[in-house]
Amino acid sequence: MKLYGIRNCDTVKKARKWLDEQGISYEFHDFKKDGLDGARLSQWEKAVGWELLLNRRGTTWRKLSDEVRDTISAQSAHDIMLENTSIIKRPVVEHEGSVHVGFNANDWATMIN
């Protein structure tokens, strides 16, 4: 299992704590510190869709101009997410060939078992 996110993100902290409490081993990739390549982002977009990956509730989204937000497309979203990984909904988990976005303990328990 590989968990992608930002170390200081509250949701990522909850997810990591939950995994630790369950005794589940995982590799953590901080894409704020370690970066994110376009090929990986494209894989996620194909697996779950760019709309799910784009966090429209955070401050990074709100800081975008109205014009950018109103005309968002798959390509512009991809470029924005690569340029500023803070706008990606977190955490992103790769597990047994599938991709999951966000944290919900019940969903994760089902995913892992």
N, C-alpha and C. Protein backbone atom coordinates (compact mmCIF):
# COMPACT_ATOMS: atom_id res chain seq x y z
N MET A 1 0.85 -1.17 0.00
CA MET A 1 0.00 0.00 0.00
C MET A 1 0.89 1.23 0.00
N LYS A 2 0.52 2.18 -0.83
CA LYS A 2 1.26 3.43 -0.88
C LYS A 2 0.27 4.57 -0.65
N LEU A 3 0.61 5.42 0.31
CA LEU A 3 -0.24 6.55 0.69
C LEU A 3 0.43 7.83 0.25
N TYR A 4 -0.28 8.63 -0.52
CA TYR A 4 0.22 9.91 -1.00
C TYR A 4 -0.53 11.03 -0.32
N GLY A 5 0.20 12.07 0.03
CA GLY A 5 -0.44 13.22 0.65
C GLY A 5 0.57 14.23 1.11
N ILE A 6 0.16 15.04 2.06
CA ILE A 6 1.01 16.07 2.65
C ILE A 6 1.06 15.79 4.15
N ARG A 7 2.25 15.69 4.67
CA ARG A 7 2.47 15.29 6.06
C ARG A 7 1.64 16.08 7.06
N ASN A 8 1.48 17.38 6.87
CA ASN A 8 0.78 18.21 7.84
C ASN A 8 -0.74 18.27 7.64
N CYS A 9 -1.25 17.62 6.63
CA CYS A 9 -2.69 17.60 6.36
C CYS A 9 -3.41 16.80 7.45
N ASP A 10 -4.45 17.36 8.04
CA ASP A 10 -5.18 16.69 9.12
C ASP A 10 -5.77 15.36 8.67
N THR A 11 -6.31 15.30 7.47
CA THR A 11 -6.91 14.06 6.98
C THR A 11 -5.84 12.99 6.78
N VAL A 12 -4.69 13.39 6.28
CA VAL A 12 -3.59 12.45 6.10
C VAL A 12 -3.12 11.94 7.47
N LYS A 13 -3.06 12.83 8.44
CA LYS A 13 -2.67 12.42 9.80
C LYS A 13 -3.65 11.38 10.35
N LYS A 14 -4.95 11.61 10.16
CA LYS A 14 -5.97 10.66 10.62
C LYS A 14 -5.81 9.31 9.92
N ALA A 15 -5.58 9.35 8.61
CA ALA A 15 -5.42 8.13 7.84
C ALA A 15 -4.19 7.35 8.29
N ARG A 16 -3.08 8.03 8.48
CA ARG A 16 -1.86 7.36 8.92
C ARG A 16 -2.03 6.78 10.32
N LYS A 17 -2.69 7.52 11.20
CA LYS A 17 -2.94 7.03 12.56
C LYS A 17 -3.79 5.76 12.50
N TRP A 18 -4.84 5.79 11.68
CA TRP A 18 -5.73 4.64 11.54
C TRP A 18 -4.95 3.43 11.03
N LEU A 19 -4.13 3.62 10.00
CA LEU A 19 -3.34 2.51 9.46
C LEU A 19 -2.40 1.95 10.53
N ASP A 20 -1.75 2.85 11.27
CA ASP A 20 -0.85 2.41 12.35
C ASP A 20 -1.61 1.61 13.41
N GLU A 21 -2.79 2.10 13.79
CA GLU A 21 -3.59 1.40 14.80
C GLU A 21 -4.06 0.03 14.32
N GLN A 22 -4.25 -0.13 13.02
CA GLN A 22 -4.68 -1.41 12.45
C GLN A 22 -3.49 -2.34 12.20
N GLY A 23 -2.29 -1.81 12.39
CA GLY A 23 -1.09 -2.62 12.14
C GLY A 23 -0.84 -2.86 10.67
N ILE A 24 -1.29 -1.94 9.83
CA ILE A 24 -1.16 -2.09 8.38
C ILE A 24 0.08 -1.31 7.93
N SER A 25 0.97 -2.00 7.25
CA SER A 25 2.17 -1.32 6.77
C SER A 25 1.86 -0.60 5.47
N TYR A 26 2.52 0.52 5.28
CA TYR A 26 2.32 1.33 4.09
C TYR A 26 3.56 2.17 3.87
N GLU A 27 3.69 2.63 2.65
CA GLU A 27 4.76 3.56 2.31
C GLU A 27 4.11 4.93 2.14
N PHE A 28 4.70 5.95 2.73
CA PHE A 28 4.14 7.30 2.64
C PHE A 28 4.97 8.14 1.68
N HIS A 29 4.29 8.82 0.77
CA HIS A 29 4.94 9.72 -0.18
C HIS A 29 4.35 11.11 0.02
N ASP A 30 5.15 12.02 0.50
CA ASP A 30 4.72 13.41 0.71
C ASP A 30 4.93 14.16 -0.60
N PHE A 31 3.85 14.38 -1.35
CA PHE A 31 4.06 15.02 -2.64
C PHE A 31 4.33 16.50 -2.56
N LYS A 32 4.22 17.09 -1.39
CA LYS A 32 4.66 18.47 -1.21
C LYS A 32 6.19 18.50 -1.17
N LYS A 33 6.76 17.53 -0.48
CA LYS A 33 8.21 17.47 -0.30
C LYS A 33 8.89 16.68 -1.43
N ASP A 34 8.30 15.55 -1.82
CA ASP A 34 8.93 14.64 -2.77
C ASP A 34 8.45 14.81 -4.20
N GLY A 35 7.45 15.66 -4.40
CA GLY A 35 6.96 15.92 -5.75
C GLY A 35 5.97 14.86 -6.24
N LEU A 36 5.45 15.12 -7.41
CA LEU A 36 4.50 14.22 -8.06
C LEU A 36 4.71 14.34 -9.55
N ASP A 37 4.90 13.20 -10.21
CA ASP A 37 5.12 13.28 -11.65
C ASP A 37 3.81 13.18 -12.42
N GLY A 38 3.85 13.72 -13.62
CA GLY A 38 2.65 13.77 -14.46
C GLY A 38 2.09 12.42 -14.81
N ALA A 39 2.96 11.42 -14.99
CA ALA A 39 2.50 10.08 -15.34
C ALA A 39 1.68 9.47 -14.20
N ARG A 40 2.13 9.65 -12.97
CA ARG A 40 1.39 9.13 -11.81
C ARG A 40 0.03 9.82 -11.71
N LEU A 41 0.02 11.15 -11.84
CA LEU A 41 -1.24 11.90 -11.78
C LEU A 41 -2.19 11.43 -12.89
N SER A 42 -1.66 11.20 -14.08
CA SER A 42 -2.50 10.70 -15.18
C SER A 42 -3.11 9.35 -14.86
N GLN A 43 -2.34 8.46 -14.21
CA GLN A 43 -2.87 7.16 -13.80
C GLN A 43 -4.04 7.34 -12.84
N TRP A 44 -3.88 8.24 -11.87
CA TRP A 44 -4.96 8.49 -10.92
C TRP A 44 -6.19 9.05 -11.62
N GLU A 45 -5.96 9.97 -12.55
CA GLU A 45 -7.08 10.58 -13.28
C GLU A 45 -7.84 9.52 -14.07
N LYS A 46 -7.12 8.59 -14.67
CA LYS A 46 -7.78 7.51 -15.41
C LYS A 46 -8.55 6.59 -14.46
N ALA A 47 -8.01 6.36 -13.28
CA ALA A 47 -8.62 5.43 -12.33
C ALA A 47 -9.86 6.01 -11.65
N VAL A 48 -9.80 7.27 -11.23
CA VAL A 48 -10.90 7.83 -10.43
C VAL A 48 -11.51 9.10 -11.02
N GLY A 49 -10.89 9.67 -12.04
CA GLY A 49 -11.39 10.90 -12.65
C GLY A 49 -10.78 12.14 -12.00
N TRP A 50 -10.50 13.13 -12.82
CA TRP A 50 -9.87 14.35 -12.31
C TRP A 50 -10.79 15.10 -11.36
N GLU A 51 -12.10 14.97 -11.56
CA GLU A 51 -13.06 15.69 -10.72
C GLU A 51 -12.96 15.26 -9.26
N LEU A 52 -12.74 13.97 -9.02
CA LEU A 52 -12.61 13.46 -7.65
C LEU A 52 -11.28 13.91 -7.03
N LEU A 53 -10.24 13.98 -7.83
CA LEU A 53 -8.92 14.36 -7.32
C LEU A 53 -8.82 15.84 -6.98
N LEU A 54 -9.57 16.67 -7.67
CA LEU A 54 -9.47 18.12 -7.48
C LEU A 54 -10.27 18.54 -6.26
N ASN A 55 -9.57 19.05 -5.26
CA ASN A 55 -10.21 19.48 -4.01
C ASN A 55 -10.76 20.89 -4.19
N ARG A 56 -12.08 20.97 -4.34
CA ARG A 56 -12.73 22.26 -4.55
C ARG A 56 -13.16 22.91 -3.24
N ARG A 57 -12.81 22.30 -2.11
CA ARG A 57 -13.19 22.85 -0.81
C ARG A 57 -12.06 23.59 -0.11
N GLY A 58 -10.84 23.42 -0.57
CA GLY A 58 -9.68 23.98 0.11
C GLY A 58 -9.35 25.40 -0.29
N THR A 59 -8.43 25.97 0.45
CA THR A 59 -8.02 27.36 0.20
C THR A 59 -7.30 27.49 -1.14
N THR A 60 -6.59 26.46 -1.56
CA THR A 60 -5.88 26.54 -2.84
C THR A 60 -6.87 26.75 -3.98
N TRP A 61 -7.99 26.05 -3.95
CA TRP A 61 -9.04 26.22 -4.97
C TRP A 61 -9.62 27.63 -4.91
N ARG A 62 -9.90 28.09 -3.70
CA ARG A 62 -10.50 29.42 -3.54
C ARG A 62 -9.56 30.53 -3.98
N LYS A 63 -8.26 30.29 -3.95
CA LYS A 63 -7.29 31.31 -4.37
C LYS A 63 -7.18 31.43 -5.89
N LEU A 64 -7.70 30.43 -6.61
CA LEU A 64 -7.67 30.51 -8.08
C LEU A 64 -8.63 31.60 -8.54
N SER A 65 -8.33 32.19 -9.67
CA SER A 65 -9.21 33.24 -10.20
C SER A 65 -10.56 32.64 -10.59
N ASP A 66 -11.59 33.47 -10.60
CA ASP A 66 -12.92 33.01 -11.01
C ASP A 66 -12.87 32.45 -12.42
N GLU A 67 -12.10 33.09 -13.29
CA GLU A 67 -12.00 32.64 -14.68
C GLU A 67 -11.44 31.21 -14.75
N VAL A 68 -10.40 30.94 -13.98
CA VAL A 68 -9.80 29.60 -13.98
C VAL A 68 -10.80 28.58 -13.43
N ARG A 69 -11.44 28.91 -12.33
CA ARG A 69 -12.41 27.98 -11.73
C ARG A 69 -13.60 27.74 -12.65
N ASP A 70 -14.07 28.78 -13.32
CA ASP A 70 -15.25 28.66 -14.18
C ASP A 70 -14.98 27.90 -15.47
N THR A 71 -13.73 27.84 -15.88
CA THR A 71 -13.39 27.19 -17.16
C THR A 71 -12.54 25.94 -16.97
N ILE A 72 -12.56 25.37 -15.77
CA ILE A 72 -11.72 24.21 -15.47
C ILE A 72 -12.06 23.05 -16.40
N SER A 73 -11.04 22.39 -16.88
CA SER A 73 -11.20 21.23 -17.76
C SER A 73 -10.23 20.15 -17.30
N ALA A 74 -10.30 18.99 -17.91
CA ALA A 74 -9.41 17.90 -17.54
C ALA A 74 -7.95 18.33 -17.67
N GLN A 75 -7.62 19.00 -18.77
CA GLN A 75 -6.22 19.40 -19.00
C GLN A 75 -5.79 20.50 -18.04
N SER A 76 -6.63 21.50 -17.85
CA SER A 76 -6.24 22.59 -16.94
C SER A 76 -6.16 22.09 -15.50
N ALA A 77 -7.06 21.19 -15.12
CA ALA A 77 -7.01 20.61 -13.77
C ALA A 77 -5.72 19.83 -13.58
N HIS A 78 -5.34 19.05 -14.57
CA HIS A 78 -4.10 18.29 -14.51
C HIS A 78 -2.91 19.22 -14.30
N ASP A 79 -2.86 20.27 -15.10
CA ASP A 79 -1.75 21.23 -15.00
C ASP A 79 -1.72 21.92 -13.63
N ILE A 80 -2.89 22.29 -13.14
CA ILE A 80 -2.98 22.96 -11.83
C ILE A 80 -2.54 22.01 -10.72
N MET A 81 -2.99 20.75 -10.78
CA MET A 81 -2.62 19.78 -9.74
C MET A 81 -1.12 19.49 -9.73
N LEU A 82 -0.51 19.46 -10.92
CA LEU A 82 0.94 19.25 -10.97
C LEU A 82 1.70 20.47 -10.45
N GLU A 83 1.20 21.64 -10.77
CA GLU A 83 1.85 22.88 -10.37
C GLU A 83 1.72 23.12 -8.86
N ASN A 84 0.57 22.76 -8.32
CA ASN A 84 0.32 23.00 -6.90
C ASN A 84 -0.39 21.78 -6.30
N THR A 85 0.39 20.85 -5.79
CA THR A 85 -0.16 19.59 -5.29
C THR A 85 -1.09 19.77 -4.09
N SER A 86 -1.09 20.93 -3.47
CA SER A 86 -2.00 21.19 -2.35
C SER A 86 -3.46 21.12 -2.75
N ILE A 87 -3.73 21.24 -4.05
CA ILE A 87 -5.11 21.24 -4.52
C ILE A 87 -5.64 19.81 -4.76
N ILE A 88 -4.79 18.81 -4.57
CA ILE A 88 -5.22 17.43 -4.73
C ILE A 88 -5.89 16.96 -3.44
N LYS A 89 -7.07 16.36 -3.58
CA LYS A 89 -7.77 15.82 -2.41
C LYS A 89 -6.90 14.71 -1.82
N ARG A 90 -6.83 14.71 -0.50
CA ARG A 90 -5.93 13.79 0.18
C ARG A 90 -6.65 12.93 1.20
N PRO A 91 -6.03 11.80 1.52
CA PRO A 91 -4.90 11.16 0.85
C PRO A 91 -5.33 10.40 -0.41
N VAL A 92 -4.35 10.10 -1.23
CA VAL A 92 -4.54 9.21 -2.37
C VAL A 92 -3.83 7.92 -2.02
N VAL A 93 -4.52 6.80 -2.17
CA VAL A 93 -3.96 5.50 -1.81
C VAL A 93 -3.96 4.58 -3.02
N GLU A 94 -2.82 3.97 -3.23
CA GLU A 94 -2.71 2.91 -4.23
C GLU A 94 -2.65 1.59 -3.44
N HIS A 95 -3.59 0.72 -3.72
CA HIS A 95 -3.66 -0.55 -2.99
C HIS A 95 -4.16 -1.65 -3.91
N GLU A 96 -3.33 -2.65 -4.10
CA GLU A 96 -3.68 -3.82 -4.93
C GLU A 96 -4.25 -3.43 -6.29
N GLY A 97 -3.57 -2.52 -6.94
CA GLY A 97 -3.94 -2.14 -8.30
C GLY A 97 -5.08 -1.14 -8.41
N SER A 98 -5.61 -0.68 -7.29
CA SER A 98 -6.69 0.31 -7.35
C SER A 98 -6.26 1.61 -6.67
N VAL A 99 -7.00 2.66 -6.94
CA VAL A 99 -6.72 3.98 -6.40
C VAL A 99 -7.93 4.45 -5.61
N HIS A 100 -7.68 4.97 -4.42
CA HIS A 100 -8.73 5.49 -3.55
C HIS A 100 -8.36 6.90 -3.13
N VAL A 101 -9.36 7.77 -3.01
CA VAL A 101 -9.12 9.17 -2.66
C VAL A 101 -9.93 9.53 -1.42
N GLY A 102 -9.28 10.20 -0.48
CA GLY A 102 -9.94 10.62 0.75
C GLY A 102 -9.84 9.54 1.80
N PHE A 103 -10.28 9.87 3.02
CA PHE A 103 -10.21 8.91 4.11
C PHE A 103 -11.56 8.74 4.78
N ASN A 104 -11.98 7.48 4.86
CA ASN A 104 -13.15 7.08 5.62
C ASN A 104 -12.82 5.71 6.20
N ALA A 105 -12.77 5.63 7.53
CA ALA A 105 -12.33 4.40 8.19
C ALA A 105 -13.13 3.18 7.75
N ASN A 106 -14.44 3.31 7.63
CA ASN A 106 -15.28 2.17 7.22
C ASN A 106 -14.95 1.72 5.80
N ASP A 107 -14.80 2.68 4.90
CA ASP A 107 -14.46 2.35 3.51
C ASP A 107 -13.09 1.69 3.44
N TRP A 108 -12.15 2.23 4.21
CA TRP A 108 -10.81 1.67 4.20
C TRP A 108 -10.78 0.26 4.77
N ALA A 109 -11.56 0.01 5.81
CA ALA A 109 -11.62 -1.34 6.38
C ALA A 109 -12.10 -2.33 5.33
N THR A 110 -13.08 -1.93 4.53
CA THR A 110 -13.59 -2.77 3.46
C THR A 110 -12.54 -2.94 2.37
N MET A 111 -11.85 -1.87 2.02
CA MET A 111 -10.84 -1.90 0.96
C MET A 111 -9.71 -2.84 1.34
N ILE A 112 -9.31 -2.86 2.58
CA ILE A 112 -8.14 -3.62 3.00
C ILE A 112 -8.47 -5.09 3.23
N ASN A 113 -9.68 -5.39 3.59
CA ASN A 113 -10.04 -6.79 3.87
C ASN A 113 -10.57 -7.50 2.68
